Amino acid sequence: MRRLEEDNSIRITFEKLDSIYGLLYKGLNDKYLIVINSNLSPEKQLETIWHESKHLYSHDMEEGDMEVIEKEAVEFSKYALEYSPEVLSECRNAW
């Protein structure tokens, strides 16, 4: 993810959103934007970043069974937080 940010292929932004945790958008220029709900707790923001990252790396905006795609992203984001809890404490003050 860092490499994508450094070469401006992706941008992560935090915005006040009413009804969603986050989203991944692919522009016509093949660059990505991840929007994360700034109203969420830091833990949920990090989980949402992992969720959207899974979409980017594994699904790359492909068509398919949305139920399966979402389930994979949810499972991955929860696993990522469980696997490395120290990441959460490191990121708590990052925003």
N, C-alpha and C. Protein backbone atom coordinates (compact mmCIF):
# COMPACT_ATOMS: atom_id res chain seq x y z
N MET A 1 0.83 -1.18 0.00
CA MET A 1 0.00 0.00 0.00
C MET A 1 0.88 1.25 0.00
N ARG A 2 1.94 1.20 0.77
CA ARG A 2 2.83 2.36 0.85
C ARG A 2 3.40 2.70 -0.53
N ARG A 3 3.82 1.66 -1.28
CA ARG A 3 4.37 1.90 -2.62
C ARG A 3 3.34 2.56 -3.53
N LEU A 4 2.11 2.10 -3.43
CA LEU A 4 1.05 2.70 -4.25
C LEU A 4 0.82 4.16 -3.87
N GLU A 5 0.91 4.47 -2.58
CA GLU A 5 0.77 5.86 -2.15
C GLU A 5 1.94 6.70 -2.63
N GLU A 6 3.15 6.14 -2.53
CA GLU A 6 4.34 6.90 -2.92
C GLU A 6 4.36 7.22 -4.41
N ASP A 7 3.87 6.32 -5.24
CA ASP A 7 3.86 6.62 -6.67
C ASP A 7 2.52 7.22 -7.13
N ASN A 8 1.72 7.65 -6.17
CA ASN A 8 0.44 8.32 -6.43
C ASN A 8 -0.56 7.45 -7.19
N SER A 9 -0.45 6.13 -7.04
CA SER A 9 -1.43 5.24 -7.65
C SER A 9 -2.68 5.13 -6.79
N ILE A 10 -2.51 5.46 -5.51
CA ILE A 10 -3.65 5.40 -4.59
C ILE A 10 -3.56 6.56 -3.60
N ARG A 11 -4.71 7.01 -3.19
CA ARG A 11 -4.78 8.04 -2.16
C ARG A 11 -5.82 7.58 -1.14
N ILE A 12 -5.49 7.71 0.12
CA ILE A 12 -6.44 7.39 1.19
C ILE A 12 -6.85 8.70 1.83
N THR A 13 -8.15 8.89 1.94
CA THR A 13 -8.66 10.12 2.54
C THR A 13 -9.73 9.76 3.58
N PHE A 14 -9.89 10.63 4.53
CA PHE A 14 -10.87 10.44 5.60
C PHE A 14 -11.92 11.54 5.50
N GLU A 15 -13.17 11.12 5.40
CA GLU A 15 -14.29 12.05 5.24
C GLU A 15 -15.42 11.65 6.16
N LYS A 16 -16.23 12.62 6.56
CA LYS A 16 -17.42 12.32 7.35
C LYS A 16 -18.48 11.74 6.42
N LEU A 17 -18.79 10.48 6.62
CA LEU A 17 -19.78 9.78 5.81
C LEU A 17 -20.95 9.37 6.70
N ASP A 18 -22.13 9.35 6.13
CA ASP A 18 -23.32 9.06 6.92
C ASP A 18 -23.63 7.57 7.06
N SER A 19 -23.46 6.81 5.99
CA SER A 19 -24.02 5.46 6.03
C SER A 19 -23.06 4.34 5.66
N ILE A 20 -21.81 4.64 5.33
CA ILE A 20 -20.87 3.58 4.98
C ILE A 20 -19.57 3.74 5.75
N TYR A 21 -18.85 2.64 5.88
CA TYR A 21 -17.55 2.68 6.56
C TYR A 21 -16.46 3.20 5.64
N GLY A 22 -16.53 2.80 4.37
CA GLY A 22 -15.52 3.23 3.42
C GLY A 22 -15.83 2.72 2.03
N LEU A 23 -15.02 3.16 1.08
CA LEU A 23 -15.21 2.71 -0.28
C LEU A 23 -13.90 2.80 -1.05
N LEU A 24 -13.83 2.03 -2.11
CA LEU A 24 -12.69 2.04 -3.03
C LEU A 24 -13.21 2.49 -4.38
N TYR A 25 -12.53 3.47 -4.96
CA TYR A 25 -12.94 4.01 -6.26
C TYR A 25 -11.76 3.94 -7.20
N LYS A 26 -11.98 3.45 -8.42
CA LYS A 26 -10.95 3.42 -9.45
C LYS A 26 -11.33 4.45 -10.51
N GLY A 27 -10.46 5.44 -10.70
CA GLY A 27 -10.74 6.49 -11.66
C GLY A 27 -10.43 6.07 -13.08
N LEU A 28 -10.85 6.90 -14.02
CA LEU A 28 -10.58 6.63 -15.43
C LEU A 28 -9.09 6.64 -15.74
N ASN A 29 -8.30 7.26 -14.86
CA ASN A 29 -6.84 7.30 -15.02
C ASN A 29 -6.16 6.09 -14.39
N ASP A 30 -6.94 5.08 -13.99
CA ASP A 30 -6.44 3.86 -13.35
C ASP A 30 -5.79 4.10 -12.00
N LYS A 31 -6.10 5.23 -11.37
CA LYS A 31 -5.63 5.49 -10.02
C LYS A 31 -6.78 5.24 -9.06
N TYR A 32 -6.43 4.90 -7.82
CA TYR A 32 -7.43 4.51 -6.83
C TYR A 32 -7.56 5.55 -5.73
N LEU A 33 -8.74 5.60 -5.18
CA LEU A 33 -9.04 6.43 -4.03
C LEU A 33 -9.77 5.56 -3.02
N ILE A 34 -9.25 5.52 -1.80
CA ILE A 34 -9.95 4.86 -0.70
C ILE A 34 -10.46 5.98 0.21
N VAL A 35 -11.75 5.98 0.44
CA VAL A 35 -12.37 6.96 1.33
C VAL A 35 -12.81 6.20 2.58
N ILE A 36 -12.35 6.69 3.74
CA ILE A 36 -12.67 6.07 5.02
C ILE A 36 -13.52 7.05 5.84
N ASN A 37 -14.53 6.52 6.50
CA ASN A 37 -15.41 7.34 7.32
C ASN A 37 -14.65 7.83 8.56
N SER A 38 -14.49 9.13 8.66
CA SER A 38 -13.74 9.71 9.78
C SER A 38 -14.53 9.66 11.09
N ASN A 39 -15.81 9.34 11.02
CA ASN A 39 -16.62 9.22 12.24
C ASN A 39 -16.39 7.90 12.97
N LEU A 40 -15.69 6.97 12.34
CA LEU A 40 -15.46 5.66 12.95
C LEU A 40 -14.34 5.74 13.99
N SER A 41 -14.32 4.77 14.87
CA SER A 41 -13.21 4.65 15.83
C SER A 41 -11.94 4.33 15.05
N PRO A 42 -10.76 4.63 15.62
CA PRO A 42 -9.51 4.28 14.94
C PRO A 42 -9.42 2.80 14.59
N GLU A 43 -9.93 1.93 15.47
CA GLU A 43 -9.91 0.50 15.21
C GLU A 43 -10.73 0.15 13.97
N LYS A 44 -11.93 0.72 13.88
CA LYS A 44 -12.81 0.45 12.75
C LYS A 44 -12.26 1.09 11.47
N GLN A 45 -11.60 2.24 11.58
CA GLN A 45 -10.97 2.85 10.41
C GLN A 45 -9.88 1.93 9.85
N LEU A 46 -9.06 1.39 10.73
CA LEU A 46 -7.98 0.50 10.30
C LEU A 46 -8.56 -0.77 9.68
N GLU A 47 -9.58 -1.32 10.30
CA GLU A 47 -10.24 -2.51 9.75
C GLU A 47 -10.80 -2.21 8.36
N THR A 48 -11.37 -1.03 8.19
CA THR A 48 -11.94 -0.64 6.90
C THR A 48 -10.86 -0.45 5.85
N ILE A 49 -9.72 0.08 6.23
CA ILE A 49 -8.60 0.20 5.29
C ILE A 49 -8.18 -1.19 4.82
N TRP A 50 -8.05 -2.15 5.74
CA TRP A 50 -7.71 -3.52 5.37
C TRP A 50 -8.76 -4.10 4.43
N HIS A 51 -10.02 -3.84 4.74
CA HIS A 51 -11.13 -4.34 3.93
C HIS A 51 -11.03 -3.82 2.49
N GLU A 52 -10.87 -2.51 2.35
CA GLU A 52 -10.78 -1.93 1.01
C GLU A 52 -9.51 -2.36 0.30
N SER A 53 -8.42 -2.55 1.05
CA SER A 53 -7.16 -3.02 0.46
C SER A 53 -7.32 -4.42 -0.12
N LYS A 54 -8.09 -5.26 0.55
CA LYS A 54 -8.35 -6.61 0.04
C LYS A 54 -9.05 -6.52 -1.32
N HIS A 55 -10.01 -5.61 -1.43
CA HIS A 55 -10.67 -5.42 -2.72
C HIS A 55 -9.66 -5.03 -3.79
N LEU A 56 -8.78 -4.13 -3.46
CA LEU A 56 -7.79 -3.65 -4.43
C LEU A 56 -6.85 -4.76 -4.86
N TYR A 57 -6.28 -5.46 -3.90
CA TYR A 57 -5.27 -6.47 -4.22
C TYR A 57 -5.84 -7.76 -4.79
N SER A 58 -7.00 -8.17 -4.34
CA SER A 58 -7.54 -9.46 -4.76
C SER A 58 -8.61 -9.37 -5.83
N HIS A 59 -9.32 -8.29 -5.86
CA HIS A 59 -10.47 -8.22 -6.76
C HIS A 59 -10.28 -7.19 -7.87
N ASP A 60 -9.48 -6.17 -7.63
CA ASP A 60 -9.18 -5.12 -8.63
C ASP A 60 -10.40 -4.73 -9.45
N MET A 61 -11.47 -4.47 -8.75
CA MET A 61 -12.70 -3.95 -9.35
C MET A 61 -13.31 -4.93 -10.36
N GLU A 62 -13.03 -6.22 -10.21
CA GLU A 62 -13.57 -7.21 -11.13
C GLU A 62 -15.04 -7.44 -10.86
N GLU A 63 -15.71 -7.91 -11.86
CA GLU A 63 -17.10 -8.30 -11.67
C GLU A 63 -17.12 -9.69 -11.07
N GLY A 64 -18.14 -9.98 -10.32
CA GLY A 64 -18.25 -11.29 -9.72
C GLY A 64 -19.35 -11.31 -8.69
N ASP A 65 -19.41 -12.36 -7.95
CA ASP A 65 -20.41 -12.53 -6.91
C ASP A 65 -20.08 -11.58 -5.76
N MET A 66 -20.84 -10.50 -5.66
CA MET A 66 -20.55 -9.47 -4.65
C MET A 66 -20.62 -10.02 -3.23
N GLU A 67 -21.48 -10.98 -3.02
CA GLU A 67 -21.58 -11.57 -1.69
C GLU A 67 -20.27 -12.27 -1.31
N VAL A 68 -19.70 -13.01 -2.24
CA VAL A 68 -18.43 -13.71 -2.00
C VAL A 68 -17.30 -12.70 -1.85
N ILE A 69 -17.25 -11.69 -2.72
CA ILE A 69 -16.20 -10.68 -2.68
C ILE A 69 -16.22 -9.93 -1.34
N GLU A 70 -17.41 -9.54 -0.89
CA GLU A 70 -17.53 -8.83 0.39
C GLU A 70 -17.15 -9.74 1.56
N LYS A 71 -17.58 -10.99 1.51
CA LYS A 71 -17.25 -11.93 2.58
C LYS A 71 -15.74 -12.09 2.70
N GLU A 72 -15.06 -12.24 1.57
CA GLU A 72 -13.60 -12.37 1.59
C GLU A 72 -12.94 -11.13 2.20
N ALA A 73 -13.43 -9.95 1.84
CA ALA A 73 -12.85 -8.71 2.36
C ALA A 73 -13.09 -8.57 3.86
N VAL A 74 -14.27 -8.94 4.31
CA VAL A 74 -14.58 -8.87 5.75
C VAL A 74 -13.69 -9.84 6.52
N GLU A 75 -13.60 -11.06 6.04
CA GLU A 75 -12.77 -12.07 6.72
C GLU A 75 -11.31 -11.63 6.76
N PHE A 76 -10.81 -11.10 5.65
CA PHE A 76 -9.42 -10.65 5.59
C PHE A 76 -9.15 -9.51 6.57
N SER A 77 -10.04 -8.53 6.61
CA SER A 77 -9.82 -7.38 7.49
C SER A 77 -9.84 -7.79 8.96
N LYS A 78 -10.73 -8.69 9.32
CA LYS A 78 -10.78 -9.15 10.71
C LYS A 78 -9.53 -9.97 11.04
N TYR A 79 -9.11 -10.83 10.11
CA TYR A 79 -7.90 -11.63 10.31
C TYR A 79 -6.67 -10.73 10.43
N ALA A 80 -6.59 -9.71 9.61
CA ALA A 80 -5.43 -8.81 9.64
C ALA A 80 -5.31 -8.13 11.00
N LEU A 81 -6.42 -7.72 11.59
CA LEU A 81 -6.36 -7.07 12.89
C LEU A 81 -6.01 -8.06 13.99
N GLU A 82 -6.51 -9.28 13.90
CA GLU A 82 -6.20 -10.30 14.91
C GLU A 82 -4.75 -10.75 14.81
N TYR A 83 -4.25 -10.87 13.60
CA TYR A 83 -2.91 -11.39 13.37
C TYR A 83 -1.85 -10.47 13.95
N SER A 84 -2.09 -9.19 13.88
CA SER A 84 -1.06 -8.25 14.30
C SER A 84 -1.66 -7.11 15.15
N PRO A 85 -2.03 -7.40 16.40
CA PRO A 85 -2.67 -6.37 17.22
C PRO A 85 -1.76 -5.18 17.51
N GLU A 86 -0.44 -5.37 17.42
CA GLU A 86 0.44 -4.22 17.67
C GLU A 86 0.29 -3.16 16.59
N VAL A 87 -0.17 -3.55 15.41
CA VAL A 87 -0.40 -2.57 14.34
C VAL A 87 -1.45 -1.57 14.81
N LEU A 88 -2.48 -2.07 15.47
CA LEU A 88 -3.53 -1.18 15.95
C LEU A 88 -3.00 -0.16 16.93
N SER A 89 -2.17 -0.58 17.87
CA SER A 89 -1.63 0.38 18.84
C SER A 89 -0.70 1.37 18.16
N GLU A 90 0.03 0.95 17.15
CA GLU A 90 0.92 1.86 16.40
C GLU A 90 0.10 2.88 15.61
N CYS A 91 -1.04 2.45 15.09
CA CYS A 91 -1.83 3.33 14.22
C CYS A 91 -2.82 4.21 14.99
N ARG A 92 -3.01 3.91 16.25
CA ARG A 92 -4.01 4.64 17.04
C ARG A 92 -3.84 6.15 16.96
N ASN A 93 -2.62 6.62 16.90
CA ASN A 93 -2.35 8.06 16.87
C ASN A 93 -1.91 8.54 15.48
N ALA A 94 -2.05 7.69 14.49
CA ALA A 94 -1.57 8.04 13.14
C ALA A 94 -2.47 9.05 12.44
N TRP A 95 -3.73 9.13 12.85
CA TRP A 95 -4.64 10.03 12.16
C TRP A 95 -4.80 11.25 13.00
